[in-house]
Amino acid sequence: MLNSAPPLVRLTGEADFHNKHQISEVFDRLVKRGQATIQADLSELDYIDSSGLSALVGCAAKASEAGGAIELLGVSERVSRMLTLCGAAAFFRTSLPDVPVCGEGKTMSPAEGFWHVSEFNLSATPDAAAVARGRVADVIRGLPLTLGEGQDVLVAVGEALANAIRHGCGCNPDMTISIRCVAGPSRLAVDVTDHGPGFDPGIVGSPSPQSLSEGGMGFYMMGQNRDEVSVSFGDGTTVRRVKYINRVTSDDNVNTDEMAGV
């Protein structure tokens, strides 16, 4: 006889395209054993991208079909933002913490009247995404952004990195991705470049939570978390994410090309 208490699955570290299949396998195995109601402890989950979220939503759908549900425990502010931005929260049993609105809340340490440029290249391996996000986070920490704004930048950059590694370079360690951060008093631009064949961003639609797919979800999340996102093609594909600082908006006629030195 099965234990009446629901099984507990603890997700730690990062949930992304690199380990999404492992996440699905764990929950699928429990559902097939008759454990349709499952608790998922996310208190030690540092990061989740659209692939990891898609895997969780797929598991929740299967649990619901079996008459159960996935209950999320210990949901952090960062994961909560991901769930609410794409409308996926309704698929789970959870009590989400309050999510601050961008532009409000505690601010990071300000640094006025400066220019900061950080450029680096990494092999196009799944592990490179975490390394690159950490380097971008180091730049963000020196900017007068709220915690929520900083998290939104990392979500968008994380999606661009995942697309560059997976789709642009096919996770080929012999290929490289390039990341360039340029920060000034009024804006931050992050360029993520791969040297793959490119794609047509016009074919990427706005997915619904019922049909989360890796192809469209990444660009959708970048679109939700941005002041400006652009795609250019030359020697590969470059996705640029621009975040305006101190509530500067696009109506203020900011020249992002000048700011990024191109």
Protein backbone atom coordinates (compact mmCIF):
# COMPACT_ATOMS: atom_id res chain seq x y z
CA MET A 1 0.00 0.00 0.00
CA LEU A 2 1.27 3.46 -0.90
CA ASN A 3 2.13 5.92 1.83
CA SER A 4 -0.69 8.46 2.31
CA ALA A 5 1.82 11.32 2.59
CA PRO A 6 2.75 12.77 -0.84
CA PRO A 7 6.34 12.19 -1.93
CA LEU A 8 8.72 15.14 -1.76
CA VAL A 9 11.05 16.05 -4.63
CA ARG A 10 13.73 18.61 -3.81
CA LEU A 11 15.13 20.64 -6.72
CA THR A 12 18.50 22.27 -6.04
CA GLY A 13 20.94 24.37 -8.01
CA GLU A 14 19.66 25.15 -11.50
CA ALA A 15 16.77 23.83 -13.59
CA ASP A 16 17.47 24.51 -17.24
CA PHE A 17 17.74 22.90 -20.67
CA HIS A 18 20.72 20.87 -19.49
CA ASN A 19 18.78 18.83 -16.91
CA LYS A 20 15.13 19.25 -17.91
CA HIS A 21 14.85 15.59 -18.91
CA GLN A 22 16.01 14.47 -15.48
CA ILE A 23 13.34 16.63 -13.87
CA SER A 24 10.63 15.13 -16.07
CA GLU A 25 11.81 11.58 -15.44
CA VAL A 26 11.61 11.92 -11.65
CA PHE A 27 8.04 13.22 -11.65
CA ASP A 28 6.89 10.86 -14.42
CA ARG A 29 8.20 7.89 -12.46
CA LEU A 30 6.22 8.91 -9.38
CA VAL A 31 3.00 9.51 -11.34
CA LYS A 32 3.29 6.10 -13.02
CA ARG A 33 3.65 4.52 -9.56
CA GLY A 34 0.32 6.04 -8.58
CA GLN A 35 1.67 9.06 -6.72
CA ALA A 36 -0.31 11.72 -8.56
CA THR A 37 0.04 14.32 -5.81
CA ILE A 38 3.68 15.36 -5.37
CA GLN A 39 5.38 18.07 -3.35
CA ALA A 40 8.27 19.93 -4.99
CA ASP A 41 10.61 21.81 -2.67
CA LEU A 42 12.17 24.73 -4.57
CA SER A 43 13.79 26.46 -1.60
CA GLU A 44 17.29 25.54 -2.82
CA LEU A 45 16.60 26.23 -6.51
CA ASP A 46 18.86 29.10 -7.56
CA TYR A 47 17.71 29.51 -11.18
CA ILE A 48 15.08 28.22 -13.58
CA ASP A 49 14.82 29.00 -17.29
CA SER A 50 11.99 28.38 -19.75
CA SER A 51 13.13 24.80 -20.39
CA GLY A 52 13.08 23.92 -16.71
CA LEU A 53 9.75 25.66 -16.29
CA SER A 54 8.34 23.85 -19.32
CA ALA A 55 9.40 20.52 -17.81
CA LEU A 56 7.66 21.35 -14.53
CA VAL A 57 4.47 22.46 -16.27
CA GLY A 58 4.44 19.25 -18.32
CA CYS A 59 4.78 17.22 -15.11
CA ALA A 60 1.98 19.20 -13.49
CA ALA A 61 -0.29 18.50 -16.47
CA LYS A 62 0.36 14.75 -16.20
CA ALA A 63 -0.26 14.82 -12.45
CA SER A 64 -3.55 16.65 -13.04
CA GLU A 65 -4.62 14.07 -15.63
CA ALA A 66 -3.96 11.38 -13.03
CA GLY A 67 -6.20 13.18 -10.52
CA GLY A 68 -3.47 14.84 -8.52
CA ALA A 69 -1.30 17.95 -8.56
CA ILE A 70 2.20 19.24 -7.94
CA GLU A 71 2.45 21.42 -4.85
CA LEU A 72 5.33 23.89 -4.90
CA LEU A 73 7.06 24.62 -1.60
CA GLY A 74 9.66 27.25 -0.76
CA VAL A 75 9.15 29.26 -3.94
CA SER A 76 11.73 32.03 -4.14
CA GLU A 77 11.01 35.51 -5.46
CA ARG A 78 12.97 34.79 -8.64
CA VAL A 79 11.06 31.57 -9.45
CA SER A 80 7.82 33.29 -8.50
CA ARG A 81 8.46 35.98 -11.09
CA MET A 82 8.99 33.35 -13.77
CA LEU A 83 5.75 31.58 -12.85
CA THR A 84 3.65 34.72 -12.83
CA LEU A 85 5.17 36.37 -15.91
CA CYS A 86 4.20 33.51 -18.22
CA GLY A 87 0.94 32.54 -16.47
CA ALA A 88 2.19 29.13 -15.36
CA ALA A 89 1.38 29.56 -11.65
CA ALA A 90 -2.17 28.26 -12.19
CA PHE A 91 -0.80 24.81 -13.01
CA PHE A 92 0.48 24.26 -9.48
CA ARG A 93 -0.73 24.24 -5.92
CA THR A 94 1.27 26.97 -4.29
CA SER A 95 1.09 30.14 -2.25
CA LEU A 96 3.41 32.51 -4.06
CA PRO A 97 5.21 35.22 -2.10
CA ASP A 98 4.60 38.85 -2.97
CA VAL A 99 6.45 39.81 -6.12
CA PRO A 100 7.69 43.42 -6.14
CA VAL A 101 6.89 45.50 -9.19
CA CYS A 102 9.88 46.50 -11.30
CA GLY A 103 11.14 49.90 -10.22
CA GLU A 104 10.07 49.49 -6.60
CA GLY A 105 11.62 48.03 -3.50
CA LYS A 106 15.17 47.89 -2.16
CA THR A 107 17.78 49.23 -4.56
CA MET A 108 21.25 47.96 -5.23
CA SER A 109 24.32 50.09 -4.59
CA PRO A 110 24.34 53.04 -6.99
CA ALA A 111 27.35 54.09 -9.01
CA GLU A 112 27.02 57.39 -10.80
CA GLY A 113 28.81 58.87 -13.78
CA PHE A 114 30.63 55.76 -14.90
CA TRP A 115 31.18 53.52 -17.89
CA HIS A 116 31.81 49.83 -17.43
CA VAL A 117 32.59 47.39 -20.22
CA SER A 118 32.90 43.65 -19.68
CA GLU A 119 33.58 41.31 -22.60
CA PHE A 120 34.31 37.60 -22.51
CA ASN A 121 34.02 34.42 -24.60
CA LEU A 122 33.00 30.96 -23.45
CA SER A 123 32.77 27.53 -25.06
CA ALA A 124 29.21 26.70 -26.08
CA THR A 125 28.60 24.08 -23.39
CA PRO A 126 25.59 23.90 -21.04
CA ASP A 127 27.81 24.82 -18.08
CA ALA A 128 28.76 28.09 -19.77
CA ALA A 129 25.29 29.56 -19.18
CA ALA A 130 25.74 29.60 -15.39
CA VAL A 131 29.24 31.06 -15.67
CA ALA A 132 28.04 33.83 -17.99
CA ARG A 133 25.05 34.69 -15.79
CA GLY A 134 27.41 35.02 -12.84
CA ARG A 135 29.63 37.45 -14.76
CA VAL A 136 26.61 39.53 -15.82
CA ALA A 137 25.32 39.49 -12.23
CA ASP A 138 28.65 40.99 -11.12
CA VAL A 139 28.03 43.94 -13.47
CA ILE A 140 24.42 44.35 -12.31
CA ARG A 141 25.44 44.53 -8.65
CA GLY A 142 27.26 47.80 -9.33
CA LEU A 143 24.20 49.47 -10.90
CA PRO A 144 21.38 51.47 -9.28
CA LEU A 145 18.74 48.84 -10.14
CA THR A 146 16.14 47.38 -7.83
CA LEU A 147 16.47 43.73 -6.94
CA GLY A 148 13.49 42.96 -9.16
CA GLU A 149 14.96 44.83 -12.12
CA GLY A 150 18.26 43.02 -11.72
CA GLN A 151 16.51 39.67 -11.64
CA ASP A 152 14.54 40.53 -14.78
CA VAL A 153 17.77 41.32 -16.62
CA LEU A 154 19.26 37.98 -15.59
CA VAL A 155 16.13 36.10 -16.72
CA ALA A 156 16.27 37.73 -20.17
CA VAL A 157 20.03 37.22 -20.50
CA GLY A 158 19.68 33.63 -19.32
CA GLU A 159 17.19 32.92 -22.09
CA ALA A 160 19.46 34.51 -24.70
CA LEU A 161 22.38 32.41 -23.45
CA ALA A 162 20.36 29.20 -23.55
CA ASN A 163 19.24 29.92 -27.12
CA ALA A 164 22.79 30.77 -28.21
CA ILE A 165 24.27 27.61 -26.72
CA ARG A 166 21.52 25.20 -27.69
CA HIS A 167 20.18 26.51 -30.99
CA GLY A 168 22.97 28.72 -32.27
CA CYS A 169 25.87 26.39 -31.46
CA GLY A 170 24.16 23.05 -30.89
CA CYS A 171 26.01 22.65 -27.55
CA ASN A 172 29.21 22.26 -29.55
CA PRO A 173 32.20 22.83 -27.22
CA ASP A 174 34.34 23.74 -30.24
CA MET A 175 32.17 26.82 -30.84
CA THR A 176 32.08 29.93 -28.68
CA ILE A 177 29.53 32.44 -27.47
CA SER A 178 30.48 36.06 -26.82
CA ILE A 179 28.99 38.23 -24.10
CA ARG A 180 29.44 41.99 -23.93
CA CYS A 181 28.09 44.19 -21.12
CA VAL A 182 28.26 47.97 -21.43
CA ALA A 183 26.91 49.98 -18.50
CA GLY A 184 26.58 53.75 -18.22
CA PRO A 185 24.77 56.19 -15.94
CA SER A 186 21.43 55.69 -17.70
CA ARG A 187 21.42 52.22 -19.26
CA LEU A 188 22.85 48.73 -19.45
CA ALA A 189 23.20 46.77 -22.68
CA VAL A 190 24.04 43.07 -22.77
CA ASP A 191 24.91 41.46 -26.11
CA VAL A 192 24.91 37.67 -26.48
CA THR A 193 26.43 36.49 -29.76
CA ASP A 194 26.72 33.04 -31.27
CA HIS A 195 28.15 32.07 -34.64
CA GLY A 196 25.42 29.71 -35.78
CA PRO A 197 23.18 29.91 -38.87
CA GLY A 198 20.65 32.27 -37.26
CA PHE A 199 16.85 32.24 -37.38
CA ASP A 200 13.86 34.42 -38.21
CA PRO A 201 12.55 36.00 -34.95
CA GLY A 202 9.30 36.81 -36.76
CA ILE A 203 8.25 33.16 -36.67
CA VAL A 204 8.36 33.07 -32.87
CA GLY A 205 4.90 33.69 -31.47
CA SER A 206 3.57 34.27 -27.97
CA PRO A 207 3.04 30.84 -26.40
CA SER A 208 0.25 30.11 -23.97
CA PRO A 209 0.88 28.33 -20.66
CA GLN A 210 -1.09 25.35 -22.03
CA SER A 211 1.42 24.86 -24.84
CA LEU A 212 4.77 25.87 -23.39
CA SER A 213 7.52 25.05 -25.85
CA GLU A 214 11.23 25.72 -25.68
CA GLY A 215 11.32 27.38 -29.09
CA GLY A 216 8.96 30.25 -28.34
CA MET A 217 9.14 30.50 -24.58
CA GLY A 218 12.66 31.93 -24.40
CA PHE A 219 11.91 34.90 -26.66
CA TYR A 220 8.56 35.40 -24.96
CA MET A 221 10.28 35.67 -21.56
CA MET A 222 12.86 38.08 -22.97
CA GLY A 223 10.02 40.20 -24.36
CA GLN A 224 8.30 40.28 -20.97
CA ASN A 225 11.51 41.25 -19.17
CA ARG A 226 12.88 44.14 -21.14
CA ASP A 227 12.98 47.79 -21.97
CA GLU A 228 14.40 46.86 -25.35
CA VAL A 229 15.32 43.60 -27.09
CA SER A 230 16.77 43.41 -30.59
CA VAL A 231 18.24 40.72 -32.83
CA SER A 232 20.91 41.36 -35.46
CA PHE A 233 22.69 39.08 -37.91
CA GLY A 234 26.23 39.37 -39.17
CA ASP A 235 28.96 37.00 -38.13
CA GLY A 236 26.36 34.92 -36.33
CA THR A 237 23.36 36.08 -34.28
CA THR A 238 23.45 38.80 -31.62
CA VAL A 239 20.63 39.31 -29.14
CA ARG A 240 20.82 42.66 -27.37
CA ARG A 241 18.96 43.31 -24.13
CA VAL A 242 18.85 46.97 -23.02
CA LYS A 243 17.76 48.02 -19.54
CA TYR A 244 17.21 51.72 -18.84
CA ILE A 245 18.39 52.92 -15.44
CA ASN A 246 16.85 55.52 -13.13
CA ARG A 247 13.52 55.13 -14.90
CA VAL A 248 14.88 56.43 -18.20
CA THR A 249 12.52 55.25 -20.95
CA SER A 250 12.72 54.87 -24.69
CA ASP A 251 10.77 58.14 -25.00
CA ASP A 252 13.93 59.93 -23.80
CA ASN A 253 15.59 59.24 -27.17
CA VAL A 254 18.47 57.15 -25.81
CA ASN A 255 20.94 56.12 -28.51
CA THR A 256 21.66 52.48 -27.62
CA ASP A 257 24.01 52.01 -30.58
CA GLU A 258 26.21 54.85 -29.31
CA MET A 259 26.09 53.46 -25.79
CA ALA A 260 27.17 49.99 -26.90
CA GLY A 261 29.97 51.37 -29.07
CA VAL A 262 28.74 50.01 -32.38
